[in-house]
Amino acid sequence: MPSWWERHGVPRLIKCACSQGQIMKLRSQVVPQASGDVLELGCGGGINMEFYDPARVARFSGLDPSPELLAMSRAAAQARGIDADIRGGIGEAMPFESGRFDTVVTTFTLCSVADPAAVLAEIRRVLKPGGTALFLEHGAAPDAGVAKWQRRIEPLWKRIGGNCHLTRPIADAYARAGFAVDRRGARYMPKTPRPFGWVEYGAAHAS
């Protein structure tokens, strides 16, 4: 059974940490590209809801394992008048049919899933041929000194941050999963300690 911290503390920590100004600027560059039948994996909190372009999104679905974050996401959709199918579930076993979505959006999600390779395989499964996975993630830094600190900090950080990993690759993970990756940005976020601040964003195209 999840602890009190996992049920109540982690959702609030995630919502606060993932809605800082610099992160919101990056979200505003990535999320509006979503179009057609859209799935947001890790939609809890509803942080991205304000960035979807209603003229481009025909239908919206969301998936998240946290009941507390799901409640926030449903409230955000309702506040914007978005008719959304938002469900509880995990990325390793998505409750959606194969080849359904034009776009899958993940923002600061792959860091905390149990099995990133399985999640990426599921993203490929639910995307239409030629569909696009839009990603904005933090993860393994390219600099040896920073990566060393990430490895040191990660065991404790995972316990505090809801299984959030600091050392997972981002664009390379999509490429290994068989996507054609268009990495549109990679940098350290300003005013953020470097072990926590390496981000990559772009589009990964399914064959």
N, C-alpha and C. Protein backbone atom coordinates (compact mmCIF):
# COMPACT_ATOMS: atom_id res chain seq x y z
N MET A 1 0.84 -1.19 0.00
CA MET A 1 0.00 0.00 0.00
C MET A 1 0.88 1.25 0.00
N PRO A 2 0.57 2.27 -0.84
CA PRO A 2 1.38 3.48 -0.85
C PRO A 2 1.38 4.17 0.51
N SER A 3 2.52 4.77 0.85
CA SER A 3 2.64 5.49 2.11
C SER A 3 1.88 6.82 2.03
N TRP A 4 1.74 7.47 3.17
CA TRP A 4 1.10 8.80 3.20
C TRP A 4 1.85 9.76 2.29
N TRP A 5 3.19 9.72 2.32
CA TRP A 5 3.98 10.62 1.49
C TRP A 5 3.74 10.36 0.01
N GLU A 6 3.68 9.09 -0.37
CA GLU A 6 3.45 8.75 -1.78
C GLU A 6 2.06 9.18 -2.24
N ARG A 7 1.06 9.09 -1.36
CA ARG A 7 -0.30 9.43 -1.74
C ARG A 7 -0.58 10.92 -1.72
N HIS A 8 0.04 11.64 -0.78
CA HIS A 8 -0.29 13.06 -0.61
C HIS A 8 0.88 14.00 -0.86
N GLY A 9 2.07 13.62 -0.37
CA GLY A 9 3.22 14.51 -0.52
C GLY A 9 3.77 14.56 -1.93
N VAL A 10 3.95 13.37 -2.55
CA VAL A 10 4.55 13.32 -3.88
C VAL A 10 3.72 14.07 -4.92
N PRO A 11 2.38 13.88 -4.98
CA PRO A 11 1.62 14.64 -5.98
C PRO A 11 1.78 16.14 -5.86
N ARG A 12 1.83 16.65 -4.64
CA ARG A 12 1.99 18.10 -4.46
C ARG A 12 3.40 18.55 -4.80
N LEU A 13 4.40 17.71 -4.47
CA LEU A 13 5.78 18.02 -4.84
C LEU A 13 5.92 18.07 -6.36
N ILE A 14 5.34 17.09 -7.05
CA ILE A 14 5.43 17.04 -8.51
C ILE A 14 4.76 18.26 -9.12
N LYS A 15 3.56 18.58 -8.65
CA LYS A 15 2.83 19.72 -9.22
C LYS A 15 3.62 21.01 -9.05
N CYS A 16 4.24 21.18 -7.86
CA CYS A 16 5.01 22.40 -7.59
C CYS A 16 6.29 22.43 -8.43
N ALA A 17 7.07 21.34 -8.39
CA ALA A 17 8.36 21.32 -9.07
C ALA A 17 8.21 21.41 -10.58
N CYS A 18 7.15 20.81 -11.12
CA CYS A 18 6.99 20.73 -12.58
C CYS A 18 6.22 21.90 -13.17
N SER A 19 5.89 22.88 -12.35
CA SER A 19 5.19 24.07 -12.88
C SER A 19 5.98 25.35 -12.63
N GLN A 20 7.30 25.21 -12.41
CA GLN A 20 8.15 26.38 -12.27
C GLN A 20 8.24 27.13 -13.61
N GLY A 21 8.61 28.41 -13.52
CA GLY A 21 8.57 29.28 -14.69
C GLY A 21 9.34 28.77 -15.89
N GLN A 22 10.59 28.33 -15.70
CA GLN A 22 11.39 27.87 -16.82
C GLN A 22 10.81 26.60 -17.45
N ILE A 23 10.24 25.73 -16.62
CA ILE A 23 9.63 24.52 -17.14
C ILE A 23 8.37 24.86 -17.93
N MET A 24 7.60 25.81 -17.43
CA MET A 24 6.38 26.19 -18.15
C MET A 24 6.71 26.79 -19.51
N LYS A 25 7.81 27.53 -19.61
CA LYS A 25 8.23 28.07 -20.90
C LYS A 25 8.51 26.94 -21.90
N LEU A 26 9.16 25.89 -21.42
CA LEU A 26 9.45 24.76 -22.30
C LEU A 26 8.17 24.03 -22.68
N ARG A 27 7.27 23.86 -21.73
CA ARG A 27 5.99 23.22 -22.04
C ARG A 27 5.26 24.00 -23.15
N SER A 28 5.34 25.32 -23.06
CA SER A 28 4.62 26.15 -24.04
C SER A 28 5.19 26.01 -25.44
N GLN A 29 6.42 25.48 -25.57
CA GLN A 29 7.01 25.26 -26.89
C GLN A 29 6.67 23.88 -27.45
N VAL A 30 6.45 22.92 -26.56
CA VAL A 30 6.27 21.53 -26.99
C VAL A 30 4.80 21.15 -27.13
N VAL A 31 4.00 21.41 -26.11
CA VAL A 31 2.63 20.91 -26.06
C VAL A 31 1.74 21.43 -27.19
N PRO A 32 1.83 22.70 -27.60
CA PRO A 32 0.94 23.18 -28.66
C PRO A 32 1.10 22.48 -30.00
N GLN A 33 2.18 21.71 -30.17
CA GLN A 33 2.38 20.98 -31.42
C GLN A 33 1.46 19.75 -31.53
N ALA A 34 0.85 19.35 -30.43
CA ALA A 34 -0.01 18.16 -30.44
C ALA A 34 -1.21 18.40 -31.35
N SER A 35 -1.59 17.36 -32.11
CA SER A 35 -2.72 17.52 -33.02
C SER A 35 -3.45 16.19 -33.19
N GLY A 36 -4.69 16.29 -33.67
CA GLY A 36 -5.50 15.11 -33.95
C GLY A 36 -6.01 14.46 -32.68
N ASP A 37 -5.98 13.13 -32.66
CA ASP A 37 -6.38 12.36 -31.49
C ASP A 37 -5.16 12.26 -30.59
N VAL A 38 -5.22 12.91 -29.43
CA VAL A 38 -4.05 13.12 -28.59
C VAL A 38 -4.16 12.34 -27.28
N LEU A 39 -3.06 11.70 -26.89
CA LEU A 39 -2.93 11.07 -25.59
C LEU A 39 -1.80 11.75 -24.83
N GLU A 40 -2.09 12.18 -23.60
CA GLU A 40 -1.02 12.66 -22.72
C GLU A 40 -0.77 11.59 -21.67
N LEU A 41 0.43 11.03 -21.69
CA LEU A 41 0.84 10.03 -20.72
C LEU A 41 1.49 10.75 -19.54
N GLY A 42 0.97 10.50 -18.34
CA GLY A 42 1.42 11.25 -17.18
C GLY A 42 0.74 12.60 -17.11
N CYS A 43 -0.57 12.60 -17.35
CA CYS A 43 -1.32 13.87 -17.44
C CYS A 43 -1.68 14.44 -16.08
N GLY A 44 -1.41 13.70 -15.01
CA GLY A 44 -1.82 14.12 -13.68
C GLY A 44 -1.37 15.53 -13.33
N GLY A 45 -2.26 16.26 -12.66
CA GLY A 45 -1.98 17.64 -12.31
C GLY A 45 -2.54 18.62 -13.31
N GLY A 46 -2.74 18.18 -14.56
CA GLY A 46 -3.31 19.07 -15.57
C GLY A 46 -2.45 20.25 -15.94
N ILE A 47 -1.15 20.15 -15.70
CA ILE A 47 -0.25 21.30 -15.91
C ILE A 47 -0.19 21.70 -17.37
N ASN A 48 -0.27 20.73 -18.28
CA ASN A 48 -0.17 21.04 -19.71
C ASN A 48 -1.46 21.54 -20.34
N MET A 49 -2.56 21.44 -19.62
CA MET A 49 -3.86 21.67 -20.24
C MET A 49 -3.97 23.04 -20.90
N GLU A 50 -3.36 24.05 -20.31
CA GLU A 50 -3.49 25.41 -20.85
C GLU A 50 -2.77 25.58 -22.19
N PHE A 51 -1.88 24.63 -22.54
CA PHE A 51 -1.07 24.79 -23.74
C PHE A 51 -1.61 24.07 -24.96
N TYR A 52 -2.60 23.23 -24.80
CA TYR A 52 -3.15 22.55 -25.97
C TYR A 52 -3.95 23.53 -26.82
N ASP A 53 -3.78 23.41 -28.14
CA ASP A 53 -4.47 24.27 -29.09
C ASP A 53 -5.79 23.59 -29.47
N PRO A 54 -6.93 24.12 -29.03
CA PRO A 54 -8.20 23.46 -29.32
C PRO A 54 -8.51 23.37 -30.81
N ALA A 55 -7.88 24.22 -31.61
CA ALA A 55 -8.10 24.16 -33.05
C ALA A 55 -7.36 22.99 -33.69
N ARG A 56 -6.37 22.44 -32.99
CA ARG A 56 -5.57 21.35 -33.52
C ARG A 56 -5.93 19.99 -32.91
N VAL A 57 -6.49 19.99 -31.71
CA VAL A 57 -6.76 18.75 -31.00
C VAL A 57 -8.21 18.33 -31.24
N ALA A 58 -8.39 17.20 -31.89
CA ALA A 58 -9.74 16.71 -32.17
C ALA A 58 -10.33 15.96 -30.98
N ARG A 59 -9.48 15.24 -30.27
CA ARG A 59 -9.93 14.45 -29.12
C ARG A 59 -8.76 14.30 -28.16
N PHE A 60 -9.05 14.37 -26.84
CA PHE A 60 -7.99 14.32 -25.83
C PHE A 60 -8.23 13.18 -24.86
N SER A 61 -7.18 12.39 -24.63
CA SER A 61 -7.20 11.35 -23.61
C SER A 61 -5.98 11.53 -22.71
N GLY A 62 -6.12 11.11 -21.46
CA GLY A 62 -5.02 11.21 -20.52
C GLY A 62 -4.90 9.95 -19.68
N LEU A 63 -3.68 9.68 -19.20
CA LEU A 63 -3.43 8.50 -18.38
C LEU A 63 -2.44 8.85 -17.28
N ASP A 64 -2.74 8.44 -16.05
CA ASP A 64 -1.85 8.70 -14.92
C ASP A 64 -2.19 7.71 -13.82
N PRO A 65 -1.19 7.25 -13.03
CA PRO A 65 -1.48 6.29 -11.97
C PRO A 65 -1.94 6.90 -10.66
N SER A 66 -1.79 8.22 -10.48
CA SER A 66 -2.07 8.86 -9.20
C SER A 66 -3.49 9.38 -9.12
N PRO A 67 -4.32 8.86 -8.20
CA PRO A 67 -5.68 9.38 -8.06
C PRO A 67 -5.71 10.86 -7.71
N GLU A 68 -4.77 11.30 -6.88
CA GLU A 68 -4.74 12.71 -6.49
C GLU A 68 -4.42 13.61 -7.68
N LEU A 69 -3.43 13.22 -8.49
CA LEU A 69 -3.08 14.01 -9.66
C LEU A 69 -4.16 13.94 -10.73
N LEU A 70 -4.81 12.79 -10.85
CA LEU A 70 -5.89 12.67 -11.82
C LEU A 70 -7.04 13.63 -11.51
N ALA A 71 -7.34 13.78 -10.23
CA ALA A 71 -8.40 14.71 -9.85
C ALA A 71 -8.05 16.14 -10.27
N MET A 72 -6.78 16.52 -10.12
CA MET A 72 -6.34 17.85 -10.56
C MET A 72 -6.46 17.98 -12.07
N SER A 73 -6.10 16.92 -12.80
CA SER A 73 -6.15 16.96 -14.25
C SER A 73 -7.58 17.08 -14.76
N ARG A 74 -8.49 16.33 -14.16
CA ARG A 74 -9.89 16.41 -14.58
C ARG A 74 -10.46 17.80 -14.30
N ALA A 75 -10.07 18.39 -13.17
CA ALA A 75 -10.55 19.73 -12.84
C ALA A 75 -10.01 20.75 -13.84
N ALA A 76 -8.74 20.59 -14.26
CA ALA A 76 -8.15 21.51 -15.24
C ALA A 76 -8.85 21.40 -16.58
N ALA A 77 -9.17 20.17 -17.00
CA ALA A 77 -9.89 19.98 -18.26
C ALA A 77 -11.27 20.60 -18.20
N GLN A 78 -11.95 20.40 -17.10
CA GLN A 78 -13.30 20.96 -16.96
C GLN A 78 -13.26 22.49 -16.98
N ALA A 79 -12.25 23.06 -16.33
CA ALA A 79 -12.13 24.52 -16.27
C ALA A 79 -11.93 25.12 -17.66
N ARG A 80 -11.30 24.37 -18.56
CA ARG A 80 -11.05 24.85 -19.92
C ARG A 80 -12.11 24.38 -20.91
N GLY A 81 -13.12 23.67 -20.41
CA GLY A 81 -14.19 23.21 -21.28
C GLY A 81 -13.76 22.12 -22.23
N ILE A 82 -12.75 21.32 -21.84
CA ILE A 82 -12.24 20.25 -22.69
C ILE A 82 -12.93 18.95 -22.31
N ASP A 83 -13.54 18.30 -23.28
CA ASP A 83 -14.17 17.00 -23.07
C ASP A 83 -13.08 15.95 -23.15
N ALA A 84 -12.61 15.50 -21.99
CA ALA A 84 -11.43 14.65 -21.94
C ALA A 84 -11.74 13.28 -21.36
N ASP A 85 -11.09 12.26 -21.92
CA ASP A 85 -11.16 10.90 -21.40
C ASP A 85 -9.90 10.66 -20.58
N ILE A 86 -9.98 10.91 -19.28
CA ILE A 86 -8.82 10.84 -18.40
C ILE A 86 -8.96 9.63 -17.49
N ARG A 87 -8.01 8.70 -17.59
CA ARG A 87 -8.12 7.43 -16.89
C ARG A 87 -6.92 7.18 -15.97
N GLY A 88 -7.16 6.37 -14.96
CA GLY A 88 -6.08 5.87 -14.14
C GLY A 88 -5.43 4.68 -14.81
N GLY A 89 -4.11 4.61 -14.74
CA GLY A 89 -3.41 3.49 -15.35
C GLY A 89 -1.93 3.78 -15.48
N ILE A 90 -1.18 2.80 -15.98
CA ILE A 90 0.27 2.93 -16.11
C ILE A 90 0.68 2.83 -17.57
N GLY A 91 1.82 3.44 -17.87
CA GLY A 91 2.29 3.48 -19.25
C GLY A 91 2.74 2.14 -19.78
N GLU A 92 3.09 1.21 -18.87
CA GLU A 92 3.53 -0.11 -19.32
C GLU A 92 2.37 -0.97 -19.83
N ALA A 93 1.14 -0.59 -19.53
CA ALA A 93 -0.04 -1.36 -19.97
C ALA A 93 -1.18 -0.38 -20.21
N MET A 94 -1.13 0.33 -21.32
CA MET A 94 -2.13 1.37 -21.58
C MET A 94 -3.47 0.76 -22.00
N PRO A 95 -4.57 1.28 -21.45
CA PRO A 95 -5.89 0.74 -21.77
C PRO A 95 -6.49 1.34 -23.03
N PHE A 96 -5.68 1.37 -24.10
CA PHE A 96 -6.13 1.94 -25.38
C PHE A 96 -5.77 0.99 -26.51
N GLU A 97 -6.58 1.02 -27.56
CA GLU A 97 -6.33 0.12 -28.68
C GLU A 97 -5.10 0.55 -29.48
N SER A 98 -4.54 -0.40 -30.18
CA SER A 98 -3.35 -0.14 -31.00
C SER A 98 -3.69 0.79 -32.16
N GLY A 99 -2.72 1.63 -32.52
CA GLY A 99 -2.86 2.49 -33.69
C GLY A 99 -3.94 3.53 -33.58
N ARG A 100 -4.24 3.99 -32.39
CA ARG A 100 -5.35 4.93 -32.23
C ARG A 100 -4.93 6.39 -32.35
N PHE A 101 -3.78 6.77 -31.78
CA PHE A 101 -3.48 8.19 -31.57
C PHE A 101 -2.57 8.77 -32.65
N ASP A 102 -2.83 10.03 -32.96
CA ASP A 102 -1.95 10.80 -33.84
C ASP A 102 -0.74 11.32 -33.08
N THR A 103 -0.96 11.69 -31.82
CA THR A 103 0.10 12.29 -31.01
C THR A 103 0.05 11.73 -29.60
N VAL A 104 1.22 11.39 -29.06
CA VAL A 104 1.36 11.08 -27.64
C VAL A 104 2.31 12.10 -27.03
N VAL A 105 1.90 12.69 -25.93
CA VAL A 105 2.68 13.72 -25.25
C VAL A 105 3.20 13.17 -23.92
N THR A 106 4.51 13.30 -23.68
CA THR A 106 5.08 12.99 -22.36
C THR A 106 5.93 14.16 -21.92
N THR A 107 5.66 14.69 -20.75
CA THR A 107 6.48 15.77 -20.19
C THR A 107 6.84 15.40 -18.76
N PHE A 108 8.13 15.24 -18.52
CA PHE A 108 8.65 14.88 -17.19
C PHE A 108 7.92 13.65 -16.65
N THR A 109 7.89 12.61 -17.50
CA THR A 109 7.15 11.39 -17.19
C THR A 109 8.05 10.16 -17.18
N LEU A 110 8.90 10.00 -18.18
CA LEU A 110 9.71 8.79 -18.29
C LEU A 110 10.71 8.64 -17.15
N CYS A 111 10.98 9.71 -16.44
CA CYS A 111 11.92 9.64 -15.31
C CYS A 111 11.39 8.77 -14.18
N SER A 112 10.07 8.64 -14.08
CA SER A 112 9.49 7.99 -12.90
C SER A 112 8.76 6.68 -13.19
N VAL A 113 8.65 6.26 -14.44
CA VAL A 113 7.96 5.01 -14.73
C VAL A 113 8.82 3.83 -14.29
N ALA A 114 8.18 2.68 -14.09
CA ALA A 114 8.91 1.51 -13.62
C ALA A 114 9.80 0.91 -14.71
N ASP A 115 9.32 0.92 -15.95
CA ASP A 115 10.05 0.27 -17.05
C ASP A 115 9.99 1.15 -18.29
N PRO A 116 10.97 2.04 -18.48
CA PRO A 116 10.92 2.97 -19.61
C PRO A 116 10.83 2.27 -20.97
N ALA A 117 11.54 1.16 -21.15
CA ALA A 117 11.51 0.46 -22.45
C ALA A 117 10.10 -0.05 -22.75
N ALA A 118 9.43 -0.58 -21.73
CA ALA A 118 8.07 -1.07 -21.93
C ALA A 118 7.11 0.08 -22.24
N VAL A 119 7.31 1.22 -21.59
CA VAL A 119 6.45 2.38 -21.85
C VAL A 119 6.64 2.87 -23.28
N LEU A 120 7.88 2.94 -23.74
CA LEU A 120 8.13 3.39 -25.10
C LEU A 120 7.55 2.41 -26.12
N ALA A 121 7.61 1.13 -25.81
CA ALA A 121 6.99 0.14 -26.70
C ALA A 121 5.48 0.34 -26.76
N GLU A 122 4.86 0.68 -25.62
CA GLU A 122 3.43 0.94 -25.59
C GLU A 122 3.08 2.22 -26.35
N ILE A 123 3.93 3.22 -26.25
CA ILE A 123 3.70 4.46 -27.02
C ILE A 123 3.69 4.14 -28.51
N ARG A 124 4.64 3.35 -28.96
CA ARG A 124 4.67 2.95 -30.37
C ARG A 124 3.41 2.17 -30.74
N ARG A 125 2.96 1.32 -29.83
CA ARG A 125 1.78 0.50 -30.13
C ARG A 125 0.53 1.35 -30.33
N VAL A 126 0.32 2.33 -29.45
CA VAL A 126 -0.94 3.09 -29.51
C VAL A 126 -0.89 4.21 -30.56
N LEU A 127 0.30 4.54 -31.07
CA LEU A 127 0.39 5.55 -32.12
C LEU A 127 0.00 4.96 -33.48
N LYS A 128 -0.63 5.79 -34.30
CA LYS A 128 -0.86 5.43 -35.69
C LYS A 128 0.47 5.36 -36.43
N PRO A 129 0.57 4.58 -37.51
CA PRO A 129 1.78 4.65 -38.34
C PRO A 129 2.03 6.09 -38.78
N GLY A 130 3.24 6.56 -38.56
CA GLY A 130 3.56 7.94 -38.86
C GLY A 130 3.19 8.92 -37.77
N GLY A 131 2.64 8.41 -36.65
CA GLY A 131 2.28 9.28 -35.53
C GLY A 131 3.51 9.83 -34.83
N THR A 132 3.29 10.78 -33.94
CA THR A 132 4.39 11.51 -33.31
C THR A 132 4.28 11.46 -31.79
N ALA A 133 5.41 11.18 -31.15
CA ALA A 133 5.52 11.31 -29.70
C ALA A 133 6.27 12.61 -29.41
N LEU A 134 5.61 13.56 -28.78
CA LEU A 134 6.24 14.81 -28.35
C LEU A 134 6.78 14.61 -26.94
N PHE A 135 8.04 14.94 -26.72
CA PHE A 135 8.62 14.70 -25.41
C PHE A 135 9.35 15.94 -24.88
N LEU A 136 9.27 16.10 -23.58
CA LEU A 136 10.03 17.08 -22.81
C LEU A 136 10.37 16.38 -21.51
N GLU A 137 11.64 16.02 -21.35
CA GLU A 137 12.04 15.20 -20.21
C GLU A 137 13.36 15.70 -19.62
N HIS A 138 13.56 15.38 -18.35
CA HIS A 138 14.88 15.61 -17.75
C HIS A 138 15.54 14.25 -17.56
N GLY A 139 16.88 14.26 -17.52
CA GLY A 139 17.54 12.97 -17.39
C GLY A 139 19.04 13.08 -17.39
N ALA A 140 19.70 12.05 -17.93
CA ALA A 140 21.15 11.90 -17.84
C ALA A 140 21.87 13.06 -18.52
N ALA A 141 22.72 13.72 -17.77
CA ALA A 141 23.49 14.86 -18.29
C ALA A 141 24.68 14.36 -19.11
N PRO A 142 25.13 15.14 -20.10
CA PRO A 142 26.23 14.71 -20.95
C PRO A 142 27.61 14.95 -20.33
N ASP A 143 27.68 15.73 -19.26
CA ASP A 143 28.96 16.06 -18.64
C ASP A 143 29.30 15.09 -17.52
N ALA A 144 30.53 14.57 -17.54
CA ALA A 144 30.91 13.50 -16.61
C ALA A 144 30.76 13.93 -15.16
N GLY A 145 31.16 15.16 -14.84
CA GLY A 145 31.08 15.61 -13.46
C GLY A 145 29.65 15.70 -12.96
N VAL A 146 28.76 16.20 -13.81
CA VAL A 146 27.35 16.30 -13.44
C VAL A 146 26.74 14.90 -13.33
N ALA A 147 27.08 14.03 -14.29
CA ALA A 147 26.55 12.66 -14.27
C ALA A 147 26.97 11.93 -13.01
N LYS A 148 28.18 12.20 -12.53
CA LYS A 148 28.66 11.57 -11.30
C LYS A 148 27.79 11.96 -10.12
N TRP A 149 27.43 13.25 -10.03
CA TRP A 149 26.56 13.71 -8.96
C TRP A 149 25.14 13.16 -9.11
N GLN A 150 24.69 13.03 -10.34
CA GLN A 150 23.37 12.42 -10.55
C GLN A 150 23.32 11.01 -9.98
N ARG A 151 24.37 10.24 -10.22
CA ARG A 151 24.41 8.86 -9.71
C ARG A 151 24.44 8.84 -8.19
N ARG A 152 25.12 9.81 -7.59
CA ARG A 152 25.19 9.86 -6.13
C ARG A 152 23.84 10.24 -5.51
N ILE A 153 23.17 11.19 -6.12
CA ILE A 153 21.94 11.74 -5.56
C ILE A 153 20.73 10.83 -5.81
N GLU A 154 20.75 10.12 -6.92
CA GLU A 154 19.56 9.42 -7.39
C GLU A 154 18.93 8.45 -6.37
N PRO A 155 19.69 7.62 -5.64
CA PRO A 155 19.03 6.68 -4.73
C PRO A 155 18.12 7.36 -3.70
N LEU A 156 18.57 8.46 -3.12
CA LEU A 156 17.74 9.19 -2.16
C LEU A 156 16.62 9.94 -2.87
N TRP A 157 16.95 10.55 -4.02
CA TRP A 157 15.96 11.34 -4.74
C TRP A 157 14.77 10.49 -5.20
N LYS A 158 15.03 9.25 -5.61
CA LYS A 158 13.94 8.36 -6.02
C LYS A 158 12.94 8.16 -4.88
N ARG A 159 13.44 8.06 -3.66
CA ARG A 159 12.56 7.84 -2.51
C ARG A 159 11.73 9.09 -2.20
N ILE A 160 12.32 10.26 -2.40
CA ILE A 160 11.61 11.51 -2.11
C ILE A 160 10.66 11.87 -3.24
N GLY A 161 11.10 11.66 -4.48
CA GLY A 161 10.40 12.20 -5.65
C GLY A 161 9.53 11.23 -6.42
N GLY A 162 8.98 10.22 -5.76
CA GLY A 162 8.06 9.33 -6.46
C GLY A 162 8.72 8.52 -7.57
N ASN A 163 9.88 7.93 -7.27
CA ASN A 163 10.63 7.09 -8.22
C ASN A 163 11.26 7.89 -9.36
N CYS A 164 11.43 9.19 -9.18
CA CYS A 164 12.05 10.03 -10.21
C CYS A 164 13.54 9.72 -10.31
N HIS A 165 13.97 9.34 -11.51
CA HIS A 165 15.38 9.03 -11.78
C HIS A 165 16.07 10.24 -12.42
N LEU A 166 17.35 10.39 -12.13
CA LEU A 166 18.14 11.48 -12.70
C LEU A 166 19.05 11.01 -13.82
N THR A 167 19.23 9.70 -13.98
CA THR A 167 20.27 9.18 -14.87
C THR A 167 19.74 8.50 -16.12
N ARG A 168 18.46 8.63 -16.40
CA ARG A 168 17.91 7.95 -17.57
C ARG A 168 18.17 8.76 -18.84
N PRO A 169 18.57 8.09 -19.93
CA PRO A 169 18.71 8.78 -21.21
C PRO A 169 17.34 9.17 -21.74
N ILE A 170 17.33 10.16 -22.65
CA ILE A 170 16.05 10.67 -23.14
C ILE A 170 15.92 10.37 -24.62
N ALA A 171 16.46 11.24 -25.47
CA ALA A 171 16.33 11.03 -26.92
C ALA A 171 16.90 9.69 -27.34
N ASP A 172 18.02 9.28 -26.73
CA ASP A 172 18.62 7.99 -27.08
C ASP A 172 17.68 6.83 -26.77
N ALA A 173 16.89 6.96 -25.71
CA ALA A 173 15.95 5.90 -25.36
C ALA A 173 14.87 5.77 -26.43
N TYR A 174 14.39 6.88 -26.96
CA TYR A 174 13.41 6.84 -28.05
C TYR A 174 14.03 6.19 -29.29
N ALA A 175 15.26 6.55 -29.59
CA ALA A 175 15.92 5.97 -30.77
C ALA A 175 16.07 4.46 -30.63
N ARG A 176 16.44 4.00 -29.43
CA ARG A 176 16.59 2.56 -29.21
C ARG A 176 15.26 1.83 -29.31
N ALA A 177 14.17 2.56 -29.05
CA ALA A 177 12.83 1.96 -29.15
C ALA A 177 12.30 1.95 -30.57
N GLY A 178 13.10 2.43 -31.53
CA GLY A 178 12.71 2.35 -32.93
C GLY A 178 12.09 3.60 -33.51
N PHE A 179 12.12 4.70 -32.76
CA PHE A 179 11.59 5.96 -33.27
C PHE A 179 12.66 6.71 -34.07
N ALA A 180 12.22 7.52 -35.03
CA ALA A 180 13.09 8.49 -35.69
C ALA A 180 12.99 9.78 -34.89
N VAL A 181 14.09 10.19 -34.28
CA VAL A 181 14.06 11.26 -33.29
C VAL A 181 14.52 12.58 -33.87
N ASP A 182 13.72 13.60 -33.66
CA ASP A 182 14.07 14.98 -34.00
C ASP A 182 14.23 15.72 -32.67
N ARG A 183 15.47 15.74 -32.16
CA ARG A 183 15.73 16.41 -30.88
C ARG A 183 15.87 17.91 -31.15
N ARG A 184 14.91 18.68 -30.66
CA ARG A 184 14.86 20.11 -30.99
C ARG A 184 15.50 21.00 -29.94
N GLY A 185 15.85 20.44 -28.81
CA GLY A 185 16.51 21.23 -27.79
C GLY A 185 17.10 20.34 -26.73
N ALA A 186 18.26 20.73 -26.18
CA ALA A 186 18.91 20.01 -25.11
C ALA A 186 19.80 20.99 -24.36
N ARG A 187 19.53 21.16 -23.07
CA ARG A 187 20.31 22.15 -22.31
C ARG A 187 20.04 22.01 -20.82
N TYR A 188 20.86 22.70 -20.05
CA TYR A 188 20.59 22.83 -18.62
C TYR A 188 19.61 23.97 -18.40
N MET A 189 18.61 23.74 -17.57
CA MET A 189 17.69 24.80 -17.25
C MET A 189 18.38 25.83 -16.36
N PRO A 190 18.15 27.13 -16.61
CA PRO A 190 18.76 28.16 -15.77
C PRO A 190 18.20 28.11 -14.35
N LYS A 191 19.02 28.55 -13.41
CA LYS A 191 18.62 28.67 -12.00
C LYS A 191 18.20 27.32 -11.41
N THR A 192 18.77 26.24 -11.95
CA THR A 192 18.47 24.90 -11.47
C THR A 192 19.79 24.17 -11.24
N PRO A 193 19.98 23.51 -10.09
CA PRO A 193 21.19 22.71 -9.91
C PRO A 193 21.37 21.73 -11.06
N ARG A 194 22.57 21.66 -11.59
CA ARG A 194 22.78 20.89 -12.81
C ARG A 194 22.38 19.41 -12.73
N PRO A 195 22.58 18.73 -11.61
CA PRO A 195 22.14 17.33 -11.57
C PRO A 195 20.64 17.15 -11.81
N PHE A 196 19.87 18.21 -11.55
CA PHE A 196 18.42 18.15 -11.74
C PHE A 196 17.97 18.87 -13.02
N GLY A 197 18.90 19.53 -13.70
CA GLY A 197 18.49 20.51 -14.70
C GLY A 197 18.68 20.18 -16.15
N TRP A 198 19.23 18.98 -16.50
CA TRP A 198 19.42 18.66 -17.92
C TRP A 198 18.09 18.25 -18.54
N VAL A 199 17.69 18.94 -19.60
CA VAL A 199 16.42 18.62 -20.27
C VAL A 199 16.65 18.45 -21.77
N GLU A 200 15.83 17.60 -22.36
CA GLU A 200 15.82 17.41 -23.82
C GLU A 200 14.37 17.41 -24.27
N TYR A 201 14.13 17.98 -25.45
CA TYR A 201 12.76 17.99 -25.96
C TYR A 201 12.78 17.89 -27.47
N GLY A 202 11.67 17.39 -28.00
CA GLY A 202 11.58 17.24 -29.45
C GLY A 202 10.42 16.33 -29.84
N ALA A 203 10.56 15.69 -30.98
CA ALA A 203 9.53 14.83 -31.53
C ALA A 203 10.16 13.51 -31.95
N ALA A 204 9.47 12.43 -31.66
CA ALA A 204 9.90 11.10 -32.08
C ALA A 204 8.81 10.50 -32.95
N HIS A 205 9.19 10.08 -34.14
CA HIS A 205 8.21 9.67 -35.14
C HIS A 205 8.17 8.14 -35.25
N ALA A 206 6.96 7.60 -35.19
CA ALA A 206 6.79 6.16 -35.32
C ALA A 206 6.76 5.76 -36.78
N SER A 207 7.28 4.59 -37.07
CA SER A 207 7.30 4.11 -38.45
C SER A 207 5.98 3.42 -38.77
